[in-house]
Amino acid sequence: MKAYVIVEVSITDKIIYEEYKKRTPATVAAFGGQFIVRGGRTETLEGDWQPERMVVVEFPSVEKAKEWWSSDEYSKAKAIRQQSTHTKMIIVEEA
């Protein structure tokens, strides 16, 4: 079953975050993932949620998503993201 990594990002250092954006696509692709949403415009339909940046990444499975997140390939980019943002990240399995 496909899985989706859904990320809400609040950027604290835009210059450093640009480096993260450059490094991440190759790591996602290495685990069969693809970006579905990568920072497009958002509009709140209900509630008071006002995310600064949203990202949705599709993976072939929850296992592949977790492998990507914990991989050596992604670790350097992840450290850059953690240095330059406040992030909320979840995995959702396809129904």
PDB file of N, CA and C in Angstrom:
ATOM      1  N   MET A   1       0.824  -1.183   0.000  1.00  0.00           N
ATOM      2  CA  MET A   1       0.000   0.000   0.000  1.00  0.00           C
ATOM      3  C   MET A   1       0.870   1.249   0.000  1.00  0.00           C
ATOM      4  N   LYS A   2       0.494   2.221  -0.793  1.00  0.00           N
ATOM      5  CA  LYS A   2       1.244   3.479  -0.824  1.00  0.00           C
ATOM      6  C   LYS A   2       1.146   4.195   0.518  1.00  0.00           C
ATOM      7  N   ALA A   3       2.128   5.040   0.759  1.00  0.00           N
ATOM      8  CA  ALA A   3       2.146   5.844   1.969  1.00  0.00           C
ATOM      9  C   ALA A   3       2.536   7.263   1.596  1.00  0.00           C
ATOM     10  N   TYR A   4       2.075   8.198   2.394  1.00  0.00           N
ATOM     11  CA  TYR A   4       2.333   9.609   2.147  1.00  0.00           C
ATOM     12  C   TYR A   4       2.974  10.226   3.380  1.00  0.00           C
ATOM     13  N   VAL A   5       4.103  10.879   3.178  1.00  0.00           N
ATOM     14  CA  VAL A   5       4.727  11.658   4.235  1.00  0.00           C
ATOM     15  C   VAL A   5       4.200  13.076   4.065  1.00  0.00           C
ATOM     16  N   ILE A   6       3.548  13.565   5.099  1.00  0.00           N
ATOM     17  CA  ILE A   6       2.944  14.900   5.070  1.00  0.00           C
ATOM     18  C   ILE A   6       3.709  15.763   6.066  1.00  0.00           C
ATOM     19  N   VAL A   7       4.166  16.908   5.577  1.00  0.00           N
ATOM     20  CA  VAL A   7       5.063  17.747   6.367  1.00  0.00           C
ATOM     21  C   VAL A   7       4.552  19.188   6.396  1.00  0.00           C
ATOM     22  N   GLU A   8       4.481  19.736   7.591  1.00  0.00           N
ATOM     23  CA  GLU A   8       4.226  21.165   7.765  1.00  0.00           C
ATOM     24  C   GLU A   8       5.537  21.797   8.199  1.00  0.00           C
ATOM     25  N   VAL A   9       5.989  22.791   7.455  1.00  0.00           N
ATOM     26  CA  VAL A   9       7.301  23.385   7.682  1.00  0.00           C
ATOM     27  C   VAL A   9       7.156  24.877   7.987  1.00  0.00           C
ATOM     28  N   SER A  10       7.812  25.296   9.045  1.00  0.00           N
ATOM     29  CA  SER A  10       7.948  26.715   9.357  1.00  0.00           C
ATOM     30  C   SER A  10       9.441  27.022   9.264  1.00  0.00           C
ATOM     31  N   ILE A  11       9.817  27.808   8.285  1.00  0.00           N
ATOM     32  CA  ILE A  11      11.226  28.060   7.992  1.00  0.00           C
ATOM     33  C   ILE A  11      11.771  29.145   8.925  1.00  0.00           C
ATOM     34  N   THR A  12      12.901  28.833   9.564  1.00  0.00           N
ATOM     35  CA  THR A  12      13.545  29.800  10.453  1.00  0.00           C
ATOM     36  C   THR A  12      14.803  30.409   9.831  1.00  0.00           C
ATOM     37  N   ASP A  13      15.375  29.720   8.834  1.00  0.00           N
ATOM     38  CA  ASP A  13      16.541  30.249   8.125  1.00  0.00           C
ATOM     39  C   ASP A  13      16.410  29.879   6.647  1.00  0.00           C
ATOM     40  N   LYS A  14      15.947  30.828   5.850  1.00  0.00           N
ATOM     41  CA  LYS A  14      15.666  30.568   4.431  1.00  0.00           C
ATOM     42  C   LYS A  14      16.908  30.210   3.628  1.00  0.00           C
ATOM     43  N   ILE A  15      18.029  30.784   3.954  1.00  0.00           N
ATOM     44  CA  ILE A  15      19.261  30.500   3.206  1.00  0.00           C
ATOM     45  C   ILE A  15      19.686  29.048   3.405  1.00  0.00           C
ATOM     46  N   ILE A  16      19.702  28.610   4.646  1.00  0.00           N
ATOM     47  CA  ILE A  16      20.068  27.222   4.927  1.00  0.00           C
ATOM     48  C   ILE A  16      19.026  26.263   4.344  1.00  0.00           C
ATOM     49  N   TYR A  17      17.750  26.630   4.443  1.00  0.00           N
ATOM     50  CA  TYR A  17      16.684  25.755   3.936  1.00  0.00           C
ATOM     51  C   TYR A  17      16.801  25.532   2.425  1.00  0.00           C
ATOM     52  N   GLU A  18      17.289  26.499   1.688  1.00  0.00           N
ATOM     53  CA  GLU A  18      17.482  26.332   0.246  1.00  0.00           C
ATOM     54  C   GLU A  18      18.435  25.169  -0.042  1.00  0.00           C
ATOM     55  N   GLU A  19      19.435  24.988   0.791  1.00  0.00           N
ATOM     56  CA  GLU A  19      20.349  23.856   0.632  1.00  0.00           C
ATOM     57  C   GLU A  19      19.610  22.538   0.853  1.00  0.00           C
ATOM     58  N   TYR A  20      18.730  22.503   1.832  1.00  0.00           N
ATOM     59  CA  TYR A  20      17.904  21.312   2.066  1.00  0.00           C
ATOM     60  C   TYR A  20      17.076  20.978   0.822  1.00  0.00           C
ATOM     61  N   LYS A  21      16.454  21.990   0.246  1.00  0.00           N
ATOM     62  CA  LYS A  21      15.610  21.766  -0.938  1.00  0.00           C
ATOM     63  C   LYS A  21      16.410  21.192  -2.102  1.00  0.00           C
ATOM     64  N   LYS A  22      17.671  21.540  -2.212  1.00  0.00           N
ATOM     65  CA  LYS A  22      18.520  21.023  -3.285  1.00  0.00           C
ATOM     66  C   LYS A  22      18.898  19.563  -3.048  1.00  0.00           C
ATOM     67  N   ARG A  23      19.142  19.204  -1.797  1.00  0.00           N
ATOM     68  CA  ARG A  23      19.649  17.872  -1.468  1.00  0.00           C
ATOM     69  C   ARG A  23      18.569  16.787  -1.410  1.00  0.00           C
ATOM     70  N   THR A  24      17.339  17.159  -1.123  1.00  0.00           N
ATOM     71  CA  THR A  24      16.311  16.180  -0.796  1.00  0.00           C
ATOM     72  C   THR A  24      15.760  15.378  -1.977  1.00  0.00           C
ATOM     73  N   PRO A  25      15.500  15.955  -3.149  1.00  0.00           N
ATOM     74  CA  PRO A  25      14.860  15.178  -4.217  1.00  0.00           C
ATOM     75  C   PRO A  25      15.563  13.872  -4.578  1.00  0.00           C
ATOM     76  N   ALA A  26      16.867  13.855  -4.645  1.00  0.00           N
ATOM     77  CA  ALA A  26      17.589  12.628  -4.994  1.00  0.00           C
ATOM     78  C   ALA A  26      17.400  11.563  -3.926  1.00  0.00           C
ATOM     79  N   THR A  27      17.331  11.976  -2.664  1.00  0.00           N
ATOM     80  CA  THR A  27      17.138  10.986  -1.597  1.00  0.00           C
ATOM     81  C   THR A  27      15.738  10.400  -1.644  1.00  0.00           C
ATOM     82  N   VAL A  28      14.753  11.219  -1.936  1.00  0.00           N
ATOM     83  CA  VAL A  28      13.372  10.738  -2.067  1.00  0.00           C
ATOM     84  C   VAL A  28      13.281   9.730  -3.209  1.00  0.00           C
ATOM     85  N   ALA A  29      13.833  10.079  -4.355  1.00  0.00           N
ATOM     86  CA  ALA A  29      13.785   9.205  -5.532  1.00  0.00           C
ATOM     87  C   ALA A  29      14.487   7.873  -5.281  1.00  0.00           C
ATOM     88  N   ALA A  30      15.563   7.885  -4.499  1.00  0.00           N
ATOM     89  CA  ALA A  30      16.321   6.663  -4.216  1.00  0.00           C
ATOM     90  C   ALA A  30      15.486   5.619  -3.482  1.00  0.00           C
ATOM     91  N   PHE A  31      14.409   6.038  -2.838  1.00  0.00           N
ATOM     92  CA  PHE A  31      13.537   5.125  -2.109  1.00  0.00           C
ATOM     93  C   PHE A  31      12.172   4.984  -2.774  1.00  0.00           C
ATOM     94  N   GLY A  32      12.106   5.326  -4.052  1.00  0.00           N
ATOM     95  CA  GLY A  32      10.869   5.165  -4.815  1.00  0.00           C
ATOM     96  C   GLY A  32       9.837   6.231  -4.554  1.00  0.00           C
ATOM     97  N   GLY A  33      10.237   7.316  -3.914  1.00  0.00           N
ATOM     98  CA  GLY A  33       9.298   8.376  -3.585  1.00  0.00           C
ATOM     99  C   GLY A  33       9.206   9.438  -4.655  1.00  0.00           C
ATOM    100  N   GLN A  34       8.123  10.201  -4.579  1.00  0.00           N
ATOM    101  CA  GLN A  34       7.956  11.345  -5.474  1.00  0.00           C
ATOM    102  C   GLN A  34       7.158  12.430  -4.750  1.00  0.00           C
ATOM    103  N   PHE A  35       7.527  13.667  -5.050  1.00  0.00           N
ATOM    104  CA  PHE A  35       6.812  14.796  -4.461  1.00  0.00           C
ATOM    105  C   PHE A  35       5.456  14.945  -5.131  1.00  0.00           C
ATOM    106  N   ILE A  36       4.422  15.054  -4.313  1.00  0.00           N
ATOM    107  CA  ILE A  36       3.068  15.328  -4.794  1.00  0.00           C
ATOM    108  C   ILE A  36       2.778  16.818  -4.614  1.00  0.00           C
ATOM    109  N   VAL A  37       3.185  17.344  -3.468  1.00  0.00           N
ATOM    110  CA  VAL A  37       3.054  18.767  -3.137  1.00  0.00           C
ATOM    111  C   VAL A  37       4.397  19.204  -2.585  1.00  0.00           C
ATOM    112  N   ARG A  38       4.872  20.338  -3.064  1.00  0.00           N
ATOM    113  CA  ARG A  38       6.149  20.842  -2.546  1.00  0.00           C
ATOM    114  C   ARG A  38       6.094  22.369  -2.458  1.00  0.00           C
ATOM    115  N   GLY A  39       5.384  22.842  -1.434  1.00  0.00           N
ATOM    116  CA  GLY A  39       5.380  24.263  -1.150  1.00  0.00           C
ATOM    117  C   GLY A  39       4.382  25.092  -1.928  1.00  0.00           C
ATOM    118  N   GLY A  40       3.354  24.478  -2.477  1.00  0.00           N
ATOM    119  CA  GLY A  40       2.348  25.237  -3.210  1.00  0.00           C
ATOM    120  C   GLY A  40       1.507  26.107  -2.282  1.00  0.00           C
ATOM    121  N   ARG A  41       0.727  26.956  -2.867  1.00  0.00           N
ATOM    122  CA  ARG A  41      -0.159  27.860  -2.120  1.00  0.00           C
ATOM    123  C   ARG A  41      -1.182  27.039  -1.341  1.00  0.00           C
ATOM    124  N   THR A  42      -1.473  27.434  -0.124  1.00  0.00           N
ATOM    125  CA  THR A  42      -2.486  26.766   0.692  1.00  0.00           C
ATOM    126  C   THR A  42      -3.650  27.711   0.959  1.00  0.00           C
ATOM    127  N   GLU A  43      -4.797  27.117   1.208  1.00  0.00           N
ATOM    128  CA  GLU A  43      -5.988  27.872   1.581  1.00  0.00           C
ATOM    129  C   GLU A  43      -6.714  27.092   2.662  1.00  0.00           C
ATOM    130  N   THR A  44      -6.986  27.720   3.787  1.00  0.00           N
ATOM    131  CA  THR A  44      -7.664  27.070   4.895  1.00  0.00           C
ATOM    132  C   THR A  44      -9.159  27.015   4.617  1.00  0.00           C
ATOM    133  N   LEU A  45      -9.706  25.812   4.716  1.00  0.00           N
ATOM    134  CA  LEU A  45     -11.145  25.628   4.515  1.00  0.00           C
ATOM    135  C   LEU A  45     -11.904  25.564   5.832  1.00  0.00           C
ATOM    136  N   GLU A  46     -11.283  25.040   6.867  1.00  0.00           N
ATOM    137  CA  GLU A  46     -11.904  24.965   8.197  1.00  0.00           C
ATOM    138  C   GLU A  46     -10.830  25.145   9.252  1.00  0.00           C
ATOM    139  N   GLY A  47     -11.225  25.669  10.381  1.00  0.00           N
ATOM    140  CA  GLY A  47     -10.295  25.836  11.494  1.00  0.00           C
ATOM    141  C   GLY A  47      -9.359  27.015  11.286  1.00  0.00           C
ATOM    142  N   ASP A  48      -8.326  27.048  12.120  1.00  0.00           N
ATOM    143  CA  ASP A  48      -7.402  28.185  12.076  1.00  0.00           C
ATOM    144  C   ASP A  48      -6.001  27.765  11.643  1.00  0.00           C
ATOM    145  N   TRP A  49      -5.894  26.670  10.932  1.00  0.00           N
ATOM    146  CA  TRP A  49      -4.603  26.157  10.469  1.00  0.00           C
ATOM    147  C   TRP A  49      -4.075  27.057   9.367  1.00  0.00           C
ATOM    148  N   GLN A  50      -2.892  27.621   9.561  1.00  0.00           N
ATOM    149  CA  GLN A  50      -2.260  28.504   8.584  1.00  0.00           C
ATOM    150  C   GLN A  50      -0.818  28.056   8.347  1.00  0.00           C
ATOM    151  N   PRO A  51      -0.619  26.916   7.697  1.00  0.00           N
ATOM    152  CA  PRO A  51       0.756  26.440   7.505  1.00  0.00           C
ATOM    153  C   PRO A  51       1.547  27.358   6.589  1.00  0.00           C
ATOM    154  N   GLU A  52       2.806  27.522   6.920  1.00  0.00           N
ATOM    155  CA  GLU A  52       3.690  28.336   6.087  1.00  0.00           C
ATOM    156  C   GLU A  52       4.054  27.597   4.803  1.00  0.00           C
ATOM    157  N   ARG A  53       4.388  26.298   4.948  1.00  0.00           N
ATOM    158  CA  ARG A  53       4.799  25.494   3.796  1.00  0.00           C
ATOM    159  C   ARG A  53       4.338  24.060   4.041  1.00  0.00           C
ATOM    160  N   MET A  54       3.750  23.442   3.022  1.00  0.00           N
ATOM    161  CA  MET A  54       3.317  22.046   3.101  1.00  0.00           C
ATOM    162  C   MET A  54       4.044  21.237   2.037  1.00  0.00           C
ATOM    163  N   VAL A  55       4.387  20.007   2.415  1.00  0.00           N
ATOM    164  CA  VAL A  55       5.029  19.082   1.497  1.00  0.00           C
ATOM    165  C   VAL A  55       4.339  17.727   1.662  1.00  0.00           C
ATOM    166  N   VAL A  56       4.048  17.075   0.539  1.00  0.00           N
ATOM    167  CA  VAL A  56       3.503  15.719   0.548  1.00  0.00           C
ATOM    168  C   VAL A  56       4.370  14.885  -0.382  1.00  0.00           C
ATOM    169  N   VAL A  57       4.876  13.767   0.164  1.00  0.00           N
ATOM    170  CA  VAL A  57       5.727  12.875  -0.604  1.00  0.00           C
ATOM    171  C   VAL A  57       5.070  11.499  -0.628  1.00  0.00           C
ATOM    172  N   GLU A  58       4.912  10.939  -1.813  1.00  0.00           N
ATOM    173  CA  GLU A  58       4.339   9.603  -1.958  1.00  0.00           C
ATOM    174  C   GLU A  58       5.458   8.570  -2.025  1.00  0.00           C
ATOM    175  N   PHE A  59       5.305   7.491  -1.266  1.00  0.00           N
ATOM    176  CA  PHE A  59       6.230   6.365  -1.295  1.00  0.00           C
ATOM    177  C   PHE A  59       5.454   5.088  -1.601  1.00  0.00           C
ATOM    178  N   PRO A  60       6.138   4.061  -2.096  1.00  0.00           N
ATOM    179  CA  PRO A  60       5.446   2.807  -2.412  1.00  0.00           C
ATOM    180  C   PRO A  60       4.850   2.114  -1.184  1.00  0.00           C
ATOM    181  N   SER A  61       5.387   2.399   0.013  1.00  0.00           N
ATOM    182  CA  SER A  61       4.904   1.753   1.239  1.00  0.00           C
ATOM    183  C   SER A  61       5.364   2.552   2.452  1.00  0.00           C
ATOM    184  N   VAL A  62       4.766   2.248   3.602  1.00  0.00           N
ATOM    185  CA  VAL A  62       5.201   2.855   4.856  1.00  0.00           C
ATOM    186  C   VAL A  62       6.653   2.482   5.124  1.00  0.00           C
ATOM    187  N   GLU A  63       6.999   1.225   4.837  1.00  0.00           N
ATOM    188  CA  GLU A  63       8.362   0.765   5.077  1.00  0.00           C
ATOM    189  C   GLU A  63       9.374   1.579   4.278  1.00  0.00           C
ATOM    190  N   LYS A  64       9.076   1.848   2.999  1.00  0.00           N
ATOM    191  CA  LYS A  64       9.992   2.641   2.168  1.00  0.00           C
ATOM    192  C   LYS A  64      10.101   4.068   2.697  1.00  0.00           C
ATOM    193  N   ALA A  65       8.993   4.633   3.146  1.00  0.00           N
ATOM    194  CA  ALA A  65       9.019   5.989   3.705  1.00  0.00           C
ATOM    195  C   ALA A  65       9.909   6.035   4.943  1.00  0.00           C
ATOM    196  N   LYS A  66       9.775   5.038   5.809  1.00  0.00           N
ATOM    197  CA  LYS A  66      10.596   4.990   7.016  1.00  0.00           C
ATOM    198  C   LYS A  66      12.060   4.735   6.686  1.00  0.00           C
ATOM    199  N   GLU A  67      12.315   3.887   5.690  1.00  0.00           N
ATOM    200  CA  GLU A  67      13.692   3.648   5.255  1.00  0.00           C
ATOM    201  C   GLU A  67      14.330   4.944   4.776  1.00  0.00           C
ATOM    202  N   TRP A  68      13.573   5.721   3.984  1.00  0.00           N
ATOM    203  CA  TRP A  68      14.075   7.019   3.504  1.00  0.00           C
ATOM    204  C   TRP A  68      14.392   7.923   4.690  1.00  0.00           C
ATOM    205  N   TRP A  69      13.443   8.077   5.610  1.00  0.00           N
ATOM    206  CA  TRP A  69      13.597   9.016   6.720  1.00  0.00           C
ATOM    207  C   TRP A  69      14.803   8.680   7.588  1.00  0.00           C
ATOM    208  N   SER A  70      15.088   7.391   7.745  1.00  0.00           N
ATOM    209  CA  SER A  70      16.187   6.992   8.620  1.00  0.00           C
ATOM    210  C   SER A  70      17.478   6.648   7.858  1.00  0.00           C
ATOM    211  N   SER A  71      17.507   6.910   6.560  1.00  0.00           N
ATOM    212  CA  SER A  71      18.642   6.513   5.725  1.00  0.00           C
ATOM    213  C   SER A  71      19.859   7.429   5.885  1.00  0.00           C
ATOM    214  N   ASP A  72      21.018   6.850   5.571  1.00  0.00           N
ATOM    215  CA  ASP A  72      22.245   7.649   5.505  1.00  0.00           C
ATOM    216  C   ASP A  72      22.141   8.704   4.410  1.00  0.00           C
ATOM    217  N   GLU A  73      21.486   8.344   3.293  1.00  0.00           N
ATOM    218  CA  GLU A  73      21.342   9.278   2.169  1.00  0.00           C
ATOM    219  C   GLU A  73      20.604  10.550   2.586  1.00  0.00           C
ATOM    220  N   TYR A  74      19.580  10.398   3.421  1.00  0.00           N
ATOM    221  CA  TYR A  74      18.781  11.554   3.824  1.00  0.00           C
ATOM    222  C   TYR A  74      19.335  12.251   5.069  1.00  0.00           C
ATOM    223  N   SER A  75      20.215  11.611   5.813  1.00  0.00           N
ATOM    224  CA  SER A  75      20.625  12.143   7.118  1.00  0.00           C
ATOM    225  C   SER A  75      21.239  13.544   7.053  1.00  0.00           C
ATOM    226  N   LYS A  76      22.052  13.816   6.037  1.00  0.00           N
ATOM    227  CA  LYS A  76      22.664  15.147   5.935  1.00  0.00           C
ATOM    228  C   LYS A  76      21.613  16.211   5.626  1.00  0.00           C
ATOM    229  N   ALA A  77      20.715  15.900   4.705  1.00  0.00           N
ATOM    230  CA  ALA A  77      19.640  16.844   4.392  1.00  0.00           C
ATOM    231  C   ALA A  77      18.735  17.043   5.598  1.00  0.00           C
ATOM    232  N   LYS A  78      18.423  15.957   6.296  1.00  0.00           N
ATOM    233  CA  LYS A  78      17.566  16.045   7.477  1.00  0.00           C
ATOM    234  C   LYS A  78      18.179  16.972   8.521  1.00  0.00           C
ATOM    235  N   ALA A  79      19.485  16.860   8.742  1.00  0.00           N
ATOM    236  CA  ALA A  79      20.166  17.733   9.707  1.00  0.00           C
ATOM    237  C   ALA A  79      20.046  19.202   9.300  1.00  0.00           C
ATOM    238  N   ILE A  80      20.144  19.472   8.014  1.00  0.00           N
ATOM    239  CA  ILE A  80      19.979  20.844   7.514  1.00  0.00           C
ATOM    240  C   ILE A  80      18.554  21.328   7.767  1.00  0.00           C
ATOM    241  N   ARG A  81      17.567  20.462   7.482  1.00  0.00           N
ATOM    242  CA  ARG A  81      16.165  20.836   7.719  1.00  0.00           C
ATOM    243  C   ARG A  81      15.940  21.119   9.195  1.00  0.00           C
ATOM    244  N   GLN A  82      16.445  20.255  10.046  1.00  0.00           N
ATOM    245  CA  GLN A  82      16.228  20.425  11.481  1.00  0.00           C
ATOM    246  C   GLN A  82      16.905  21.685  12.021  1.00  0.00           C
ATOM    247  N   GLN A  83      17.965  22.112  11.361  1.00  0.00           N
ATOM    248  CA  GLN A  83      18.669  23.337  11.748  1.00  0.00           C
ATOM    249  C   GLN A  83      17.939  24.591  11.279  1.00  0.00           C
ATOM    250  N   SER A  84      17.169  24.475  10.205  1.00  0.00           N
ATOM    251  CA  SER A  84      16.613  25.675   9.566  1.00  0.00           C
ATOM    252  C   SER A  84      15.091  25.773   9.600  1.00  0.00           C
ATOM    253  N   THR A  85      14.424  24.853  10.300  1.00  0.00           N
ATOM    254  CA  THR A  85      12.958  24.865  10.330  1.00  0.00           C
ATOM    255  C   THR A  85      12.427  24.354  11.665  1.00  0.00           C
ATOM    256  N   HIS A  86      11.135  24.568  11.858  1.00  0.00           N
ATOM    257  CA  HIS A  86      10.328  23.840  12.838  1.00  0.00           C
ATOM    258  C   HIS A  86       9.405  22.990  11.974  1.00  0.00           C
ATOM    259  N   THR A  87       9.374  21.691  12.224  1.00  0.00           N
ATOM    260  CA  THR A  87       8.683  20.772  11.331  1.00  0.00           C
ATOM    261  C   THR A  87       7.757  19.851  12.097  1.00  0.00           C
ATOM    262  N   LYS A  88       6.600  19.584  11.486  1.00  0.00           N
ATOM    263  CA  LYS A  88       5.704  18.510  11.919  1.00  0.00           C
ATOM    264  C   LYS A  88       5.613  17.551  10.741  1.00  0.00           C
ATOM    265  N   MET A  89       5.797  16.239  11.010  1.00  0.00           N
ATOM    266  CA  MET A  89       5.850  15.270   9.925  1.00  0.00           C
ATOM    267  C   MET A  89       5.132  13.991  10.342  1.00  0.00           C
ATOM    268  N   ILE A  90       4.266  13.491   9.468  1.00  0.00           N
ATOM    269  CA  ILE A  90       3.564  12.244   9.711  1.00  0.00           C
ATOM    270  C   ILE A  90       3.596  11.358   8.477  1.00  0.00           C
ATOM    271  N   ILE A  91       3.359  10.076   8.674  1.00  0.00           N
ATOM    272  CA  ILE A  91       3.147   9.137   7.569  1.00  0.00           C
ATOM    273  C   ILE A  91       1.683   8.726   7.605  1.00  0.00           C
ATOM    274  N   VAL A  92       1.050   8.731   6.446  1.00  0.00           N
ATOM    275  CA  VAL A  92      -0.329   8.282   6.314  1.00  0.00           C
ATOM    276  C   VAL A  92      -0.356   7.156   5.305  1.00  0.00           C
ATOM    277  N   GLU A  93      -0.919   6.025   5.684  1.00  0.00           N
ATOM    278  CA  GLU A  93      -1.022   4.902   4.768  1.00  0.00           C
ATOM    279  C   GLU A  93      -2.271   5.052   3.916  1.00  0.00           C
ATOM    280  N   GLU A  94      -2.131   4.727   2.642  1.00  0.00           N
ATOM    281  CA  GLU A  94      -3.266   4.791   1.722  1.00  0.00           C
ATOM    282  C   GLU A  94      -4.375   3.856   2.186  1.00  0.00           C
ATOM    283  N   ALA A  95      -5.603   4.300   2.057  1.00  0.00           N
ATOM    284  CA  ALA A  95      -6.749   3.485   2.484  1.00  0.00           C
ATOM    285  C   ALA A  95      -7.113   2.459   1.428  1.00  0.00           C
TER     286      ALA A  95
END
